[in-house]
């Protein structure tokens, strides 16, 4: 096989480049480099040690603050509705409404469960709507009893209309919301709704 003049020149340049590279590699390696000790290494080490000692001295105080914050959080979260599922939390909320209603002779039957919504970044909100007929004094006492409940509850909607003017009763539709842990809130898939 015969090489053209162009290929011969390219081959000659390649051989020359490889020879120069080999020569540089052989002559350029004069031996292993020795690391020189820094003059400031002792002073630097002492400064680092001092900083580490200062940081370690703050650890007990930070642990005490963390323990205090955790205990305060546990007290505040005592009112969360604890359940394994959101439906169980809604059932507990409906049970609270019925129990408080029985004390005031309010017959809160039925119940519509609303969607479980996120409440801030760490909690969720479950809601239940009930309808009943009662006297105005019964409704006031019922709402007062809701405020004394340990669970974190709030009325999210209330519609009051006249039911029977002769008996002075009113028709009430009440939506009650309760706070649940974030784990009970279903994750949203797709784009967020506005």
N, C-alpha and C. Protein backbone atom coordinates (compact mmCIF):
# COMPACT_ATOMS: atom_id res chain seq x y z
N UNK A 1 0.84 -1.16 0.00
CA UNK A 1 0.00 0.00 0.00
C UNK A 1 0.89 1.23 0.00
N UNK A 2 0.54 2.15 -0.86
CA UNK A 2 1.34 3.35 -1.03
C UNK A 2 0.60 4.52 -0.40
N UNK A 3 1.33 5.32 0.38
CA UNK A 3 0.74 6.49 1.01
C UNK A 3 0.94 7.72 0.15
N UNK A 4 -0.07 8.55 0.16
CA UNK A 4 0.05 9.79 -0.60
C UNK A 4 0.97 10.74 0.17
N UNK A 5 1.41 11.80 -0.56
CA UNK A 5 2.32 12.77 0.06
C UNK A 5 1.67 13.43 1.27
N UNK A 6 0.43 13.67 1.18
CA UNK A 6 -0.29 14.31 2.29
C UNK A 6 -0.29 13.40 3.50
N UNK A 7 -0.59 12.09 3.33
CA UNK A 7 -0.60 11.13 4.43
C UNK A 7 0.80 10.96 5.03
N UNK A 8 1.84 11.00 4.14
CA UNK A 8 3.22 10.86 4.63
C UNK A 8 3.59 12.04 5.53
N UNK A 9 3.19 13.26 5.12
CA UNK A 9 3.48 14.42 5.95
C UNK A 9 2.75 14.35 7.29
N UNK A 10 1.51 13.92 7.28
CA UNK A 10 0.73 13.80 8.51
C UNK A 10 1.35 12.77 9.44
N UNK A 11 1.82 11.67 8.86
CA UNK A 11 2.46 10.62 9.65
C UNK A 11 3.77 11.12 10.26
N UNK A 12 4.53 11.90 9.50
CA UNK A 12 5.79 12.44 9.99
C UNK A 12 5.54 13.42 11.14
N UNK A 13 4.51 14.26 11.02
CA UNK A 13 4.18 15.21 12.09
C UNK A 13 3.72 14.47 13.34
N UNK A 14 2.96 13.40 13.17
CA UNK A 14 2.49 12.61 14.31
C UNK A 14 3.64 11.94 15.04
N UNK A 15 4.61 11.39 14.29
CA UNK A 15 5.77 10.73 14.90
C UNK A 15 6.59 11.76 15.66
N UNK A 16 6.77 12.95 15.08
CA UNK A 16 7.55 14.00 15.74
C UNK A 16 6.85 14.46 17.03
N UNK A 17 5.52 14.60 17.00
CA UNK A 17 4.77 15.03 18.18
C UNK A 17 4.87 13.97 19.28
N UNK A 18 4.78 12.70 18.93
CA UNK A 18 4.89 11.64 19.92
C UNK A 18 6.29 11.59 20.53
N UNK A 19 7.30 11.85 19.71
CA UNK A 19 8.68 11.85 20.21
C UNK A 19 8.87 13.00 21.20
N UNK A 20 8.35 14.18 20.88
CA UNK A 20 8.46 15.32 21.79
C UNK A 20 7.70 15.06 23.09
N UNK A 21 6.55 14.44 23.00
CA UNK A 21 5.75 14.14 24.17
C UNK A 21 6.47 13.12 25.06
N UNK A 22 7.06 12.11 24.47
CA UNK A 22 7.81 11.11 25.25
C UNK A 22 9.02 11.74 25.91
N UNK A 23 9.73 12.65 25.18
CA UNK A 23 10.89 13.31 25.72
C UNK A 23 10.51 14.20 26.92
N UNK A 24 9.42 14.91 26.78
CA UNK A 24 8.94 15.78 27.87
C UNK A 24 8.57 14.95 29.09
N UNK A 25 7.92 13.82 28.87
CA UNK A 25 7.50 12.96 29.97
C UNK A 25 8.70 12.40 30.72
N UNK A 26 9.73 11.98 29.99
CA UNK A 26 10.92 11.38 30.61
C UNK A 26 11.75 12.44 31.32
N UNK A 27 11.97 13.58 30.69
CA UNK A 27 12.81 14.62 31.28
C UNK A 27 12.05 15.48 32.30
N UNK A 28 10.76 15.58 32.11
CA UNK A 28 9.96 16.45 32.99
C UNK A 28 9.76 15.87 34.37
N UNK A 29 9.82 14.57 34.53
CA UNK A 29 9.64 13.92 35.83
C UNK A 29 10.96 13.89 36.56
N UNK A 30 11.18 14.87 37.38
CA UNK A 30 12.45 14.94 38.11
C UNK A 30 12.36 14.21 39.45
N UNK A 31 11.18 13.75 39.83
CA UNK A 31 11.01 13.05 41.09
C UNK A 31 9.76 13.54 41.79
N UNK A 32 9.40 12.90 42.88
CA UNK A 32 8.18 13.31 43.57
C UNK A 32 8.35 14.67 44.24
N UNK A 33 7.28 15.42 44.20
CA UNK A 33 7.31 16.74 44.84
C UNK A 33 7.13 16.56 46.33
N UNK A 34 7.85 17.34 47.09
CA UNK A 34 7.79 17.27 48.54
C UNK A 34 6.96 18.45 49.04
N UNK A 35 5.96 18.15 49.85
CA UNK A 35 5.13 19.21 50.41
C UNK A 35 5.88 19.89 51.54
N UNK A 36 5.86 21.20 51.50
CA UNK A 36 6.54 21.95 52.55
C UNK A 36 5.55 22.28 53.65
N UNK A 37 5.99 22.18 54.86
CA UNK A 37 5.14 22.49 55.99
C UNK A 37 4.92 23.99 56.07
N UNK A 38 3.71 24.37 56.34
CA UNK A 38 3.39 25.78 56.45
C UNK A 38 3.89 26.30 57.80
N UNK A 39 4.37 27.51 57.77
CA UNK A 39 4.88 28.12 58.99
C UNK A 39 3.73 28.42 59.94
N UNK A 40 2.55 28.75 59.39
CA UNK A 40 1.41 29.14 60.21
C UNK A 40 0.56 27.95 60.64
N UNK A 41 0.95 26.73 60.38
CA UNK A 41 0.10 25.58 60.63
C UNK A 41 -0.24 25.42 62.11
N UNK A 42 0.65 25.68 63.02
CA UNK A 42 0.37 25.54 64.44
C UNK A 42 -0.61 26.62 64.89
N UNK A 43 -0.39 27.86 64.45
CA UNK A 43 -1.30 28.94 64.81
C UNK A 43 -2.70 28.68 64.25
N UNK A 44 -2.76 28.22 63.00
CA UNK A 44 -4.05 27.93 62.37
C UNK A 44 -4.77 26.80 63.12
N UNK A 45 -4.03 25.78 63.50
CA UNK A 45 -4.63 24.66 64.22
C UNK A 45 -5.17 25.10 65.57
N UNK A 46 -4.45 25.98 66.26
CA UNK A 46 -4.91 26.48 67.55
C UNK A 46 -6.18 27.31 67.40
N UNK A 47 -6.26 28.12 66.33
CA UNK A 47 -7.46 28.92 66.08
C UNK A 47 -8.66 28.02 65.78
N UNK A 48 -8.43 26.98 64.97
CA UNK A 48 -9.52 26.05 64.66
C UNK A 48 -9.98 25.32 65.91
N UNK A 49 -9.04 24.94 66.74
CA UNK A 49 -9.38 24.26 67.99
C UNK A 49 -10.20 25.17 68.89
N UNK A 50 -9.82 26.44 68.97
CA UNK A 50 -10.56 27.40 69.79
C UNK A 50 -11.99 27.56 69.27
N UNK A 51 -12.16 27.65 67.95
CA UNK A 51 -13.50 27.78 67.37
C UNK A 51 -14.34 26.55 67.66
N UNK A 52 -13.73 25.37 67.54
CA UNK A 52 -14.47 24.14 67.81
C UNK A 52 -14.88 24.04 69.28
N UNK A 53 -14.02 24.48 70.17
CA UNK A 53 -14.36 24.48 71.59
C UNK A 53 -15.52 25.44 71.88
N UNK A 54 -15.52 26.60 71.23
CA UNK A 54 -16.60 27.56 71.41
C UNK A 54 -17.92 26.99 70.89
N UNK A 55 -17.85 26.33 69.73
CA UNK A 55 -19.07 25.73 69.18
C UNK A 55 -19.59 24.60 70.07
N UNK A 56 -18.69 23.78 70.57
CA UNK A 56 -19.12 22.67 71.42
C UNK A 56 -19.69 23.17 72.75
N UNK A 57 -19.27 24.34 73.20
CA UNK A 57 -19.81 24.89 74.44
C UNK A 57 -21.26 25.33 74.27
N UNK A 58 -21.69 25.66 73.05
CA UNK A 58 -23.06 26.11 72.82
C UNK A 58 -24.04 24.95 72.63
N UNK A 59 -23.55 23.74 72.45
CA UNK A 59 -24.42 22.60 72.17
C UNK A 59 -25.41 22.33 73.30
N UNK A 60 -25.02 22.30 74.58
CA UNK A 60 -26.02 22.03 75.63
C UNK A 60 -27.16 23.06 75.66
N UNK A 61 -26.83 24.32 75.43
CA UNK A 61 -27.87 25.35 75.43
C UNK A 61 -28.82 25.15 74.25
N UNK A 62 -28.27 24.79 73.10
CA UNK A 62 -29.12 24.55 71.93
C UNK A 62 -29.99 23.32 72.13
N UNK A 63 -29.46 22.30 72.78
CA UNK A 63 -30.26 21.11 73.07
C UNK A 63 -31.40 21.43 74.03
N UNK A 64 -31.14 22.28 75.01
CA UNK A 64 -32.19 22.68 75.95
C UNK A 64 -33.28 23.47 75.23
N UNK A 65 -32.89 24.36 74.32
CA UNK A 65 -33.88 25.12 73.54
C UNK A 65 -34.72 24.19 72.67
N UNK A 66 -34.07 23.21 72.06
CA UNK A 66 -34.78 22.25 71.22
C UNK A 66 -35.78 21.44 72.05
N UNK A 67 -35.37 21.02 73.23
CA UNK A 67 -36.25 20.25 74.11
C UNK A 67 -37.46 21.10 74.53
N UNK A 68 -37.22 22.36 74.85
CA UNK A 68 -38.30 23.26 75.24
C UNK A 68 -39.25 23.50 74.06
N UNK A 69 -38.71 23.71 72.87
CA UNK A 69 -39.55 23.93 71.69
C UNK A 69 -40.39 22.69 71.38
N UNK A 70 -39.80 21.50 71.52
CA UNK A 70 -40.55 20.26 71.27
C UNK A 70 -41.68 20.08 72.28
N UNK A 71 -41.44 20.45 73.53
CA UNK A 71 -42.50 20.30 74.54
C UNK A 71 -43.62 21.32 74.29
N UNK A 72 -43.28 22.54 73.88
CA UNK A 72 -44.31 23.53 73.54
C UNK A 72 -45.11 23.09 72.33
N UNK A 73 -44.43 22.52 71.35
CA UNK A 73 -45.12 22.03 70.15
C UNK A 73 -46.07 20.89 70.51
N UNK A 74 -45.65 19.99 71.39
CA UNK A 74 -46.51 18.89 71.81
C UNK A 74 -47.76 19.41 72.52
N UNK A 75 -47.61 20.47 73.34
CA UNK A 75 -48.77 21.06 74.01
C UNK A 75 -49.73 21.68 73.00
N UNK A 76 -49.18 22.36 72.02
CA UNK A 76 -50.03 23.02 71.02
C UNK A 76 -50.70 22.02 70.09
N UNK A 77 -50.02 20.92 69.82
CA UNK A 77 -50.58 19.93 68.91
C UNK A 77 -51.48 18.93 69.64
N UNK A 78 -51.69 19.12 70.92
CA UNK A 78 -52.57 18.21 71.66
C UNK A 78 -54.00 18.30 71.14
N UNK A 79 -54.38 19.40 70.54
CA UNK A 79 -55.74 19.57 70.02
C UNK A 79 -55.96 19.03 68.63
N UNK A 80 -54.92 18.47 68.01
CA UNK A 80 -55.10 17.89 66.68
C UNK A 80 -56.02 16.68 66.75
N UNK A 81 -56.81 16.50 65.73
CA UNK A 81 -57.65 15.30 65.66
C UNK A 81 -56.75 14.18 65.19
N UNK A 82 -56.54 13.18 66.03
CA UNK A 82 -55.66 12.06 65.71
C UNK A 82 -56.48 10.93 65.11
N UNK A 83 -56.12 10.53 63.92
CA UNK A 83 -56.80 9.43 63.24
C UNK A 83 -55.83 8.84 62.22
N UNK A 84 -56.17 7.62 61.77
CA UNK A 84 -55.33 6.96 60.78
C UNK A 84 -55.62 7.45 59.36
N UNK A 85 -56.86 7.82 59.11
CA UNK A 85 -57.24 8.32 57.78
C UNK A 85 -58.04 9.61 57.92
N UNK A 86 -58.18 10.33 56.83
CA UNK A 86 -58.95 11.57 56.84
C UNK A 86 -60.42 11.29 57.10
N UNK A 87 -60.93 10.17 56.60
CA UNK A 87 -62.33 9.83 56.82
C UNK A 87 -62.60 9.54 58.30
N UNK A 88 -61.65 8.92 58.97
CA UNK A 88 -61.81 8.68 60.40
C UNK A 88 -61.79 10.00 61.17
N UNK A 89 -60.97 10.93 60.74
CA UNK A 89 -60.93 12.26 61.38
C UNK A 89 -62.26 12.98 61.18
N UNK A 90 -62.85 12.87 59.99
CA UNK A 90 -64.15 13.48 59.74
C UNK A 90 -65.23 12.82 60.59
N UNK A 91 -65.14 11.51 60.76
CA UNK A 91 -66.11 10.81 61.60
C UNK A 91 -65.98 11.26 63.05
N UNK A 92 -64.76 11.48 63.53
CA UNK A 92 -64.56 11.99 64.89
C UNK A 92 -65.16 13.38 65.04
N UNK A 93 -64.98 14.20 64.02
CA UNK A 93 -65.53 15.55 64.03
C UNK A 93 -67.06 15.51 64.07
N UNK A 94 -67.66 14.63 63.29
CA UNK A 94 -69.11 14.46 63.30
C UNK A 94 -69.58 13.95 64.67
N UNK A 95 -68.82 13.07 65.26
CA UNK A 95 -69.16 12.56 66.60
C UNK A 95 -69.11 13.68 67.63
N UNK A 96 -68.14 14.58 67.53
CA UNK A 96 -68.06 15.72 68.45
C UNK A 96 -69.30 16.60 68.31
N UNK A 97 -69.72 16.85 67.07
CA UNK A 97 -70.91 17.68 66.84
C UNK A 97 -72.13 17.03 67.46
N UNK A 98 -72.29 15.74 67.23
CA UNK A 98 -73.46 15.04 67.75
C UNK A 98 -73.45 14.98 69.28
N UNK A 99 -72.28 14.74 69.86
CA UNK A 99 -72.19 14.67 71.32
C UNK A 99 -72.53 16.01 71.96
N UNK A 100 -71.97 17.08 71.42
CA UNK A 100 -72.28 18.41 71.97
C UNK A 100 -73.73 18.80 71.69
N UNK A 101 -74.25 18.35 70.55
CA UNK A 101 -75.65 18.64 70.23
C UNK A 101 -76.62 17.95 71.16
N UNK A 102 -76.30 16.72 71.56
CA UNK A 102 -77.19 15.98 72.48
C UNK A 102 -77.28 16.68 73.83
N UNK A 103 -76.20 17.32 74.25
CA UNK A 103 -76.22 18.03 75.54
C UNK A 103 -77.20 19.20 75.50
N UNK A 104 -77.43 19.75 74.31
CA UNK A 104 -78.33 20.90 74.15
C UNK A 104 -79.66 20.50 73.50
N UNK A 105 -79.94 19.20 73.44
CA UNK A 105 -81.16 18.67 72.81
C UNK A 105 -81.25 19.08 71.34
N UNK A 106 -80.10 19.08 70.66
CA UNK A 106 -80.05 19.36 69.23
C UNK A 106 -79.86 18.04 68.51
N UNK A 107 -80.73 17.78 67.55
CA UNK A 107 -80.64 16.54 66.79
C UNK A 107 -79.89 16.81 65.48
N UNK A 108 -78.58 16.67 65.52
CA UNK A 108 -77.74 16.92 64.35
C UNK A 108 -77.57 15.61 63.58
N UNK A 109 -78.49 15.34 62.70
CA UNK A 109 -78.44 14.11 61.92
C UNK A 109 -77.74 14.35 60.60
N UNK A 110 -77.36 13.24 60.01
CA UNK A 110 -76.70 13.33 58.71
C UNK A 110 -75.31 13.94 58.86
N UNK A 111 -74.84 14.41 57.80
CA UNK A 111 -73.53 15.03 57.79
C UNK A 111 -72.90 14.93 56.42
N UNK A 112 -72.41 16.02 55.95
CA UNK A 112 -71.71 16.04 54.65
C UNK A 112 -70.24 16.29 54.92
N UNK A 113 -69.43 15.43 54.36
CA UNK A 113 -67.99 15.56 54.54
C UNK A 113 -67.41 16.39 53.40
N UNK A 114 -66.67 17.42 53.77
CA UNK A 114 -66.01 18.27 52.78
C UNK A 114 -64.65 17.69 52.41
N UNK A 115 -63.99 18.29 51.44
CA UNK A 115 -62.67 17.79 51.05
C UNK A 115 -61.62 18.10 52.13
N UNK A 116 -60.61 17.27 52.16
CA UNK A 116 -59.50 17.49 53.09
C UNK A 116 -58.54 18.46 52.41
N UNK A 117 -58.25 19.57 53.08
CA UNK A 117 -57.42 20.61 52.48
C UNK A 117 -56.16 20.83 53.31
N UNK A 118 -55.09 21.27 52.66
CA UNK A 118 -53.90 21.63 53.44
C UNK A 118 -54.15 22.90 54.24
N UNK A 119 -53.58 22.95 55.42
CA UNK A 119 -53.70 24.13 56.28
C UNK A 119 -52.29 24.55 56.62
N UNK A 120 -51.79 25.54 55.92
CA UNK A 120 -50.39 25.92 56.09
C UNK A 120 -49.50 24.85 55.48
N UNK A 121 -48.29 24.75 55.96
CA UNK A 121 -47.37 23.77 55.41
C UNK A 121 -47.29 22.49 56.21
N UNK A 122 -47.81 22.48 57.45
CA UNK A 122 -47.59 21.33 58.33
C UNK A 122 -48.86 20.63 58.79
N UNK A 123 -50.03 21.14 58.43
CA UNK A 123 -51.27 20.57 58.93
C UNK A 123 -52.29 20.45 57.81
N UNK A 124 -53.40 19.81 58.14
CA UNK A 124 -54.50 19.68 57.21
C UNK A 124 -55.79 20.08 57.89
N UNK A 125 -56.84 20.24 57.09
CA UNK A 125 -58.14 20.65 57.62
C UNK A 125 -59.22 19.72 57.08
N UNK A 126 -60.00 19.14 57.99
CA UNK A 126 -61.15 18.34 57.60
C UNK A 126 -62.40 19.10 58.00
N UNK A 127 -63.47 18.91 57.24
CA UNK A 127 -64.69 19.65 57.56
C UNK A 127 -65.90 18.74 57.43
N UNK A 128 -66.92 19.06 58.23
CA UNK A 128 -68.19 18.34 58.24
C UNK A 128 -69.30 19.38 58.32
N UNK A 129 -70.35 19.19 57.53
CA UNK A 129 -71.51 20.08 57.56
C UNK A 129 -72.72 19.31 58.06
N UNK A 130 -73.47 19.90 58.97
CA UNK A 130 -74.70 19.30 59.48
C UNK A 130 -75.80 20.35 59.46
N UNK A 131 -77.03 19.87 59.42
CA UNK A 131 -78.19 20.75 59.49
C UNK A 131 -79.07 20.31 60.65
N UNK A 132 -79.65 21.29 61.34
CA UNK A 132 -80.53 20.96 62.46
C UNK A 132 -81.44 22.14 62.73
N UNK A 133 -82.45 21.87 63.54
CA UNK A 133 -83.40 22.90 63.94
C UNK A 133 -83.36 23.00 65.45
N UNK A 134 -83.29 24.24 65.96
CA UNK A 134 -83.19 24.42 67.40
C UNK A 134 -83.63 25.84 67.76
N UNK A 135 -83.64 26.09 69.04
CA UNK A 135 -83.91 27.44 69.52
C UNK A 135 -82.62 28.24 69.51
N UNK A 136 -82.74 29.56 69.52
CA UNK A 136 -81.55 30.42 69.46
C UNK A 136 -80.67 30.22 70.69
N UNK A 137 -81.29 30.01 71.86
CA UNK A 137 -80.50 29.78 73.07
C UNK A 137 -79.73 28.47 73.00
N UNK A 138 -80.33 27.45 72.38
CA UNK A 138 -79.64 26.17 72.20
C UNK A 138 -78.42 26.34 71.29
N UNK A 139 -78.58 27.13 70.23
CA UNK A 139 -77.47 27.37 69.30
C UNK A 139 -76.34 28.11 70.00
N UNK A 140 -76.66 29.12 70.79
CA UNK A 140 -75.64 29.87 71.50
C UNK A 140 -74.89 28.97 72.49
N UNK A 141 -75.61 28.14 73.20
CA UNK A 141 -74.97 27.21 74.14
C UNK A 141 -74.12 26.18 73.40
N UNK A 142 -74.61 25.73 72.26
CA UNK A 142 -73.85 24.77 71.45
C UNK A 142 -72.53 25.38 70.98
N UNK A 143 -72.58 26.61 70.49
CA UNK A 143 -71.36 27.28 70.02
C UNK A 143 -70.41 27.56 71.18
N UNK A 144 -70.95 27.86 72.35
CA UNK A 144 -70.09 28.07 73.52
C UNK A 144 -69.42 26.76 73.93
N UNK A 145 -70.14 25.65 73.80
CA UNK A 145 -69.56 24.35 74.14
C UNK A 145 -68.45 23.98 73.15
N UNK A 146 -68.58 24.43 71.91
CA UNK A 146 -67.52 24.16 70.92
C UNK A 146 -66.21 24.82 71.32
N UNK A 147 -66.29 26.00 71.91
CA UNK A 147 -65.06 26.70 72.30
C UNK A 147 -64.35 26.03 73.46
N UNK A 148 -65.08 25.29 74.28
CA UNK A 148 -64.45 24.62 75.42
C UNK A 148 -63.92 23.24 75.05
N UNK A 149 -64.11 22.82 73.82
CA UNK A 149 -63.64 21.52 73.36
C UNK A 149 -62.12 21.53 73.24
N UNK A 150 -61.46 20.41 73.58
CA UNK A 150 -60.00 20.33 73.53
C UNK A 150 -59.47 20.31 72.10
N UNK A 151 -60.23 19.73 71.20
CA UNK A 151 -59.78 19.66 69.80
C UNK A 151 -59.74 21.04 69.18
N UNK A 152 -58.85 21.21 68.22
CA UNK A 152 -58.75 22.48 67.50
C UNK A 152 -59.88 22.53 66.47
N UNK A 153 -60.96 23.20 66.81
CA UNK A 153 -62.16 23.27 65.98
C UNK A 153 -62.51 24.72 65.68
N UNK A 154 -63.21 24.90 64.56
CA UNK A 154 -63.71 26.23 64.22
C UNK A 154 -64.90 26.07 63.29
N UNK A 155 -65.84 26.99 63.41
CA UNK A 155 -66.95 26.99 62.46
C UNK A 155 -66.47 27.67 61.20
N UNK A 156 -66.59 26.98 60.08
CA UNK A 156 -66.15 27.56 58.82
C UNK A 156 -67.30 28.15 58.03
N UNK A 157 -68.51 27.73 58.36
CA UNK A 157 -69.68 28.27 57.67
C UNK A 157 -70.89 28.08 58.57
N UNK A 158 -71.78 29.08 58.58
CA UNK A 158 -73.00 28.97 59.37
C UNK A 158 -74.10 29.72 58.65
N UNK A 159 -75.21 29.02 58.38
CA UNK A 159 -76.38 29.64 57.77
C UNK A 159 -77.55 29.47 58.72
N UNK A 160 -78.18 30.56 59.05
CA UNK A 160 -79.30 30.53 59.99
C UNK A 160 -80.51 31.14 59.30
N UNK A 161 -81.60 30.42 59.39
CA UNK A 161 -82.86 30.95 58.84
C UNK A 161 -84.00 30.59 59.79
N UNK A 162 -85.08 31.29 59.66
CA UNK A 162 -86.24 31.06 60.53
C UNK A 162 -86.90 29.74 60.13
N UNK A 163 -87.24 28.92 61.14
CA UNK A 163 -87.87 27.63 60.85
C UNK A 163 -89.35 27.67 61.25
N UNK A 164 -89.62 27.98 62.49
CA UNK A 164 -90.99 28.01 62.98
C UNK A 164 -91.14 29.24 63.88
N UNK A 165 -91.75 30.31 63.36
CA UNK A 165 -91.85 31.54 64.15
C UNK A 165 -92.69 31.39 65.43
N UNK A 166 -93.67 30.50 65.41
CA UNK A 166 -94.52 30.35 66.59
C UNK A 166 -93.74 29.70 67.74
N UNK A 167 -92.90 28.71 67.41
CA UNK A 167 -92.11 28.05 68.45
C UNK A 167 -90.75 28.72 68.64
N UNK A 168 -90.50 29.73 67.85
CA UNK A 168 -89.24 30.49 67.89
C UNK A 168 -88.03 29.58 67.70
N UNK A 169 -88.09 28.77 66.66
CA UNK A 169 -86.96 27.90 66.32
C UNK A 169 -86.32 28.41 65.03
N UNK A 170 -85.09 28.05 64.88
CA UNK A 170 -84.34 28.44 63.69
C UNK A 170 -83.77 27.19 63.02
N UNK A 171 -83.55 27.29 61.73
CA UNK A 171 -82.91 26.22 60.97
C UNK A 171 -81.45 26.61 60.78
N UNK A 172 -80.57 25.70 61.15
CA UNK A 172 -79.14 26.02 61.13
C UNK A 172 -78.41 25.01 60.24
N UNK A 173 -77.55 25.51 59.39
CA UNK A 173 -76.61 24.66 58.64
C UNK A 173 -75.22 25.11 59.10
N UNK A 174 -74.50 24.18 59.72
CA UNK A 174 -73.23 24.49 60.35
C UNK A 174 -72.14 23.63 59.72
N UNK A 175 -71.06 24.28 59.29
CA UNK A 175 -69.87 23.56 58.81
C UNK A 175 -68.78 23.76 59.84
N UNK A 176 -68.27 22.65 60.34
CA UNK A 176 -67.25 22.68 61.37
C UNK A 176 -65.97 22.10 60.81
N UNK A 177 -64.85 22.77 61.08
CA UNK A 177 -63.55 22.32 60.59
C UNK A 177 -62.67 21.94 61.77
N UNK A 178 -61.81 20.94 61.54
CA UNK A 178 -60.86 20.50 62.56
C UNK A 178 -59.48 20.38 61.95
N UNK A 179 -58.46 20.49 62.78
CA UNK A 179 -57.07 20.43 62.33
C UNK A 179 -56.55 19.01 62.51
N UNK A 180 -55.90 18.51 61.45
CA UNK A 180 -55.34 17.15 61.45
C UNK A 180 -53.87 17.22 61.03
N UNK A 181 -53.10 16.16 61.30
CA UNK A 181 -51.70 16.14 60.85
C UNK A 181 -51.61 16.16 59.33
N UNK A 182 -50.50 16.63 58.82
CA UNK A 182 -50.26 16.76 57.38
C UNK A 182 -50.35 15.42 56.65
N UNK A 183 -50.01 14.32 57.33
CA UNK A 183 -49.99 13.02 56.67
C UNK A 183 -51.37 12.59 56.18
N UNK A 184 -52.45 13.18 56.69
CA UNK A 184 -53.80 12.82 56.27
C UNK A 184 -54.26 13.59 55.04
N UNK A 185 -53.51 14.59 54.62
CA UNK A 185 -53.87 15.39 53.46
C UNK A 185 -53.38 14.67 52.21
N UNK A 186 -54.27 14.39 51.25
CA UNK A 186 -53.80 13.73 50.02
C UNK A 186 -52.94 14.68 49.21
N UNK A 187 -51.93 14.12 48.57
CA UNK A 187 -51.02 14.94 47.76
C UNK A 187 -51.71 15.34 46.47
N UNK A 188 -51.52 16.61 46.09
CA UNK A 188 -52.11 17.11 44.86
C UNK A 188 -51.25 16.69 43.69
N UNK A 189 -51.90 16.19 42.66
CA UNK A 189 -51.19 15.81 41.45
C UNK A 189 -51.58 16.76 40.34
N UNK A 190 -50.64 17.09 39.50
CA UNK A 190 -50.90 18.00 38.40
C UNK A 190 -50.74 19.44 38.83
N UNK A 191 -51.16 20.38 37.98
CA UNK A 191 -51.00 21.79 38.32
C UNK A 191 -51.93 22.20 39.44
N UNK A 192 -51.47 23.14 40.22
CA UNK A 192 -52.25 23.64 41.35
C UNK A 192 -53.47 24.40 40.85
N UNK A 193 -54.57 24.27 41.58
CA UNK A 193 -55.79 24.99 41.21
C UNK A 193 -55.83 26.32 41.94
N UNK A 194 -56.41 27.29 41.31
CA UNK A 194 -56.50 28.62 41.90
C UNK A 194 -57.89 28.87 42.39
